Amino acid sequence: MPPGRYDDFSINTIIGPNTSLAGNIESGGFTRIDGSIRGDVNAKGRVVIGERARMKSNVSGTAITIGGVVYGNVIASESLVILSTALVLGDIITRRIQADEGCLIHGKVMVCSDDASWTRALSEHRDAQGIKSALPVFAKTHGMN
């Protein structure tokens, strides 16, 4: 095993069932979510999103498993597993994907086989997000609302 790849088995962050959170989460390692989140999740390790989780979030991590509902984009630098109970409404960028029968995905899925395509996909995604976030300001300042 390469060093560092499987170091994050201790859970750093837990959002339990019946817990609601509004705000962004920056996690240094393994993150488990079983509650509701309205805000982005950026983990430097694994992310597990349980079957009862409901998220309006962009999610990033190394290896991500989704069993609940994610309304937002998902970026997994190593791998992504989407369980049969999952619903993903957003774009996906990863290096490997496993989608179980019965899961629902609505968005663009990009699986990058090499570093160059990974870098290009992330750059294009960030550019698109920057344009989307600038549109309301542009429309307001130019009387287009």
C-alpha atoms as a PDB file:
ATOM      1  CA  MET A   1       0.000   0.000   0.000  1.00  0.00           C
ATOM      2  CA  PRO A   2       1.272   3.483  -0.810  1.00  0.00           C
ATOM      3  CA  PRO A   3       1.926   5.518   2.347  1.00  0.00           C
ATOM      4  CA  GLY A   4      -0.861   7.889   3.308  1.00  0.00           C
ATOM      5  CA  ARG A   5      -3.510   6.335   1.119  1.00  0.00           C
ATOM      6  CA  TYR A   6      -5.281   4.325   3.812  1.00  0.00           C
ATOM      7  CA  ASP A   7      -4.251   6.344   6.873  1.00  0.00           C
ATOM      8  CA  ASP A   8      -7.633   8.002   7.394  1.00  0.00           C
ATOM      9  CA  PHE A   9      -9.688   5.192   8.968  1.00  0.00           C
ATOM     10  CA  SER A  10     -10.261   7.096  12.207  1.00  0.00           C
ATOM     11  CA  ILE A  11     -13.304   9.301  11.785  1.00  0.00           C
ATOM     12  CA  ASN A  12     -12.473  12.991  12.222  1.00  0.00           C
ATOM     13  CA  THR A  13     -15.958  14.402  11.684  1.00  0.00           C
ATOM     14  CA  ILE A  14     -19.416  12.931  12.293  1.00  0.00           C
ATOM     15  CA  ILE A  15     -22.728  14.591  11.461  1.00  0.00           C
ATOM     16  CA  GLY A  16     -25.166  12.189  13.094  1.00  0.00           C
ATOM     17  CA  PRO A  17     -28.765  11.322  12.295  1.00  0.00           C
ATOM     18  CA  ASN A  18     -31.310  13.998  13.293  1.00  0.00           C
ATOM     19  CA  THR A  19     -28.566  16.643  13.070  1.00  0.00           C
ATOM     20  CA  SER A  20     -28.906  19.631  10.739  1.00  0.00           C
ATOM     21  CA  LEU A  21     -26.061  21.929   9.825  1.00  0.00           C
ATOM     22  CA  ALA A  22     -26.032  25.125   7.775  1.00  0.00           C
ATOM     23  CA  GLY A  23     -22.482  26.074   6.815  1.00  0.00           C
ATOM     24  CA  ASN A  24     -19.376  24.749   5.146  1.00  0.00           C
ATOM     25  CA  ILE A  25     -17.287  21.920   6.574  1.00  0.00           C
ATOM     26  CA  GLU A  26     -13.503  21.668   6.158  1.00  0.00           C
ATOM     27  CA  SER A  27     -12.341  18.274   7.435  1.00  0.00           C
ATOM     28  CA  GLY A  28      -8.788  17.035   7.842  1.00  0.00           C
ATOM     29  CA  GLY A  29      -9.662  13.364   7.432  1.00  0.00           C
ATOM     30  CA  PHE A  30     -12.449  10.781   7.356  1.00  0.00           C
ATOM     31  CA  THR A  31     -15.914  12.375   7.452  1.00  0.00           C
ATOM     32  CA  ARG A  32     -19.204  10.535   8.093  1.00  0.00           C
ATOM     33  CA  ILE A  33     -22.525  12.260   7.374  1.00  0.00           C
ATOM     34  CA  ASP A  34     -25.894  10.821   8.387  1.00  0.00           C
ATOM     35  CA  GLY A  35     -27.803  14.073   8.963  1.00  0.00           C
ATOM     36  CA  SER A  36     -28.751  17.115   6.884  1.00  0.00           C
ATOM     37  CA  ILE A  37     -26.250  19.660   5.587  1.00  0.00           C
ATOM     38  CA  ARG A  38     -26.746  22.900   3.676  1.00  0.00           C
ATOM     39  CA  GLY A  39     -23.183  23.942   2.846  1.00  0.00           C
ATOM     40  CA  ASP A  40     -20.123  22.565   1.114  1.00  0.00           C
ATOM     41  CA  VAL A  41     -18.062  19.660   2.459  1.00  0.00           C
ATOM     42  CA  ASN A  42     -14.340  19.688   1.697  1.00  0.00           C
ATOM     43  CA  ALA A  43     -12.486  16.729   3.224  1.00  0.00           C
ATOM     44  CA  LYS A  44      -8.831  15.832   2.867  1.00  0.00           C
ATOM     45  CA  GLY A  45      -9.767  12.165   3.383  1.00  0.00           C
ATOM     46  CA  ARG A  46     -12.638   9.746   2.864  1.00  0.00           C
ATOM     47  CA  VAL A  47     -16.275  10.844   2.959  1.00  0.00           C
ATOM     48  CA  VAL A  48     -19.171   8.499   3.722  1.00  0.00           C
ATOM     49  CA  ILE A  49     -22.668   9.852   3.162  1.00  0.00           C
ATOM     50  CA  GLY A  50     -25.200   7.547   4.805  1.00  0.00           C
ATOM     51  CA  GLU A  51     -28.559   6.455   3.400  1.00  0.00           C
ATOM     52  CA  ARG A  52     -30.516   8.957   5.511  1.00  0.00           C
ATOM     53  CA  ALA A  53     -28.256  11.919   4.738  1.00  0.00           C
ATOM     54  CA  ARG A  54     -29.762  14.866   2.875  1.00  0.00           C
ATOM     55  CA  MET A  55     -27.300  17.393   1.506  1.00  0.00           C
ATOM     56  CA  LYS A  56     -27.481  20.587  -0.506  1.00  0.00           C
ATOM     57  CA  SER A  57     -23.716  20.634  -0.857  1.00  0.00           C
ATOM     58  CA  ASN A  58     -20.761  20.408  -3.131  1.00  0.00           C
ATOM     59  CA  VAL A  59     -18.692  17.506  -1.784  1.00  0.00           C
ATOM     60  CA  SER A  60     -14.987  16.851  -2.259  1.00  0.00           C
ATOM     61  CA  GLY A  61     -12.718  14.202  -0.782  1.00  0.00           C
ATOM     62  CA  THR A  62     -10.368  11.392  -1.708  1.00  0.00           C
ATOM     63  CA  ALA A  63     -12.691   8.354  -1.678  1.00  0.00           C
ATOM     64  CA  ILE A  64     -16.403   9.137  -1.410  1.00  0.00           C
ATOM     65  CA  THR A  65     -19.306   6.752  -0.789  1.00  0.00           C
ATOM     66  CA  ILE A  66     -22.835   8.101  -1.268  1.00  0.00           C
ATOM     67  CA  GLY A  67     -25.921   6.347   0.075  1.00  0.00           C
ATOM     68  CA  GLY A  68     -28.236   9.353   0.564  1.00  0.00           C
ATOM     69  CA  VAL A  69     -29.229  12.473  -1.361  1.00  0.00           C
ATOM     70  CA  VAL A  70     -26.644  14.973  -2.621  1.00  0.00           C
ATOM     71  CA  TYR A  71     -27.852  18.067  -4.447  1.00  0.00           C
ATOM     72  CA  GLY A  72     -24.531  19.480  -5.631  1.00  0.00           C
ATOM     73  CA  ASN A  73     -21.312  18.579  -7.374  1.00  0.00           C
ATOM     74  CA  VAL A  74     -19.075  15.713  -6.231  1.00  0.00           C
ATOM     75  CA  ILE A  75     -15.288  15.651  -6.700  1.00  0.00           C
ATOM     76  CA  ALA A  76     -13.500  12.470  -5.591  1.00  0.00           C
ATOM     77  CA  SER A  77      -9.757  12.499  -6.256  1.00  0.00           C
ATOM     78  CA  GLU A  78      -9.416   8.694  -5.958  1.00  0.00           C
ATOM     79  CA  SER A  79     -12.777   6.940  -6.222  1.00  0.00           C
ATOM     80  CA  LEU A  80     -16.533   7.306  -5.900  1.00  0.00           C
ATOM     81  CA  VAL A  81     -19.076   4.636  -4.916  1.00  0.00           C
ATOM     82  CA  ILE A  82     -22.747   5.443  -5.426  1.00  0.00           C
ATOM     83  CA  LEU A  83     -24.983   2.985  -3.597  1.00  0.00           C
ATOM     84  CA  SER A  84     -28.389   1.815  -4.842  1.00  0.00           C
ATOM     85  CA  THR A  85     -30.115   4.109  -2.302  1.00  0.00           C
ATOM     86  CA  ALA A  86     -28.347   7.252  -3.559  1.00  0.00           C
ATOM     87  CA  LEU A  87     -29.604  10.227  -5.525  1.00  0.00           C
ATOM     88  CA  VAL A  88     -26.984  12.618  -6.933  1.00  0.00           C
ATOM     89  CA  LEU A  89     -28.217  15.816  -8.577  1.00  0.00           C
ATOM     90  CA  GLY A  90     -25.039  17.458  -9.846  1.00  0.00           C
ATOM     91  CA  ASP A  91     -21.848  16.938 -11.777  1.00  0.00           C
ATOM     92  CA  ILE A  92     -19.299  14.282 -10.831  1.00  0.00           C
ATOM     93  CA  ILE A  93     -15.532  14.306 -11.373  1.00  0.00           C
ATOM     94  CA  THR A  94     -13.504  11.290 -10.250  1.00  0.00           C
ATOM     95  CA  ARG A  95     -10.781   8.874 -11.272  1.00  0.00           C
ATOM     96  CA  ARG A  96     -12.860   5.705 -10.638  1.00  0.00           C
ATOM     97  CA  ILE A  97     -16.579   5.196 -10.206  1.00  0.00           C
ATOM     98  CA  GLN A  98     -18.859   2.385  -9.103  1.00  0.00           C
ATOM     99  CA  ALA A  99     -22.587   3.027  -9.437  1.00  0.00           C
ATOM    100  CA  ASP A 100     -24.886   0.350  -8.029  1.00  0.00           C
ATOM    101  CA  GLU A 101     -28.038  -0.650  -9.853  1.00  0.00           C
ATOM    102  CA  GLY A 102     -30.948   1.488  -8.701  1.00  0.00           C
ATOM    103  CA  CYS A 103     -29.008   4.667  -7.909  1.00  0.00           C
ATOM    104  CA  LEU A 104     -30.066   7.884  -9.632  1.00  0.00           C
ATOM    105  CA  ILE A 105     -27.605  10.377 -11.115  1.00  0.00           C
ATOM    106  CA  HIS A 106     -28.633  13.567 -12.884  1.00  0.00           C
ATOM    107  CA  GLY A 107     -25.618  15.538 -14.096  1.00  0.00           C
ATOM    108  CA  LYS A 108     -22.424  15.281 -16.066  1.00  0.00           C
ATOM    109  CA  VAL A 109     -20.108  12.413 -15.054  1.00  0.00           C
ATOM    110  CA  MET A 110     -16.397  12.711 -15.877  1.00  0.00           C
ATOM    111  CA  VAL A 111     -14.082   9.796 -15.090  1.00  0.00           C
ATOM    112  CA  CYS A 112     -10.448  10.783 -15.609  1.00  0.00           C
ATOM    113  CA  SER A 113      -7.972   8.023 -16.363  1.00  0.00           C
ATOM    114  CA  ASP A 114      -4.785  10.097 -16.155  1.00  0.00           C
ATOM    115  CA  ASP A 115      -3.390  13.169 -14.401  1.00  0.00           C
ATOM    116  CA  ALA A 116      -3.710  15.413 -17.464  1.00  0.00           C
ATOM    117  CA  SER A 117      -7.426  14.707 -17.919  1.00  0.00           C
ATOM    118  CA  TRP A 118      -7.969  15.098 -14.131  1.00  0.00           C
ATOM    119  CA  THR A 119      -6.299  18.528 -14.127  1.00  0.00           C
ATOM    120  CA  ARG A 120      -8.226  19.599 -17.243  1.00  0.00           C
ATOM    121  CA  ALA A 121     -11.580  18.436 -15.809  1.00  0.00           C
ATOM    122  CA  LEU A 122     -10.998  20.284 -12.507  1.00  0.00           C
ATOM    123  CA  SER A 123      -9.951  23.440 -14.342  1.00  0.00           C
ATOM    124  CA  GLU A 124     -13.023  23.367 -16.603  1.00  0.00           C
ATOM    125  CA  HIS A 125     -15.291  22.725 -13.605  1.00  0.00           C
ATOM    126  CA  ARG A 126     -13.824  25.629 -11.616  1.00  0.00           C
ATOM    127  CA  ASP A 127     -14.098  27.941 -14.638  1.00  0.00           C
ATOM    128  CA  ALA A 128     -17.770  26.982 -15.095  1.00  0.00           C
ATOM    129  CA  GLN A 129     -18.476  27.529 -11.383  1.00  0.00           C
ATOM    130  CA  GLY A 130     -16.815  30.944 -11.534  1.00  0.00           C
ATOM    131  CA  ILE A 131     -18.980  31.966 -14.467  1.00  0.00           C
ATOM    132  CA  LYS A 132     -22.152  30.720 -12.726  1.00  0.00           C
ATOM    133  CA  SER A 133     -21.359  32.676  -9.571  1.00  0.00           C
ATOM    134  CA  ALA A 134     -20.633  35.850 -11.565  1.00  0.00           C
ATOM    135  CA  LEU A 135     -23.877  35.764 -13.593  1.00  0.00           C
ATOM    136  CA  PRO A 136     -26.245  37.092 -10.869  1.00  0.00           C
ATOM    137  CA  VAL A 137     -23.895  40.005 -10.120  1.00  0.00           C
ATOM    138  CA  PHE A 138     -23.531  40.765 -13.836  1.00  0.00           C
ATOM    139  CA  ALA A 139     -27.311  40.632 -14.359  1.00  0.00           C
ATOM    140  CA  LYS A 140     -27.971  42.912 -11.401  1.00  0.00           C
ATOM    141  CA  THR A 141     -25.366  45.523 -12.389  1.00  0.00           C
ATOM    142  CA  HIS A 142     -26.643  45.548 -15.970  1.00  0.00           C
ATOM    143  CA  GLY A 143     -30.349  45.754 -15.100  1.00  0.00           C
ATOM    144  CA  MET A 144     -31.142  42.229 -16.285  1.00  0.00           C
ATOM    145  CA  ASN A 145     -32.964  40.884 -13.224  1.00  0.00           C
END
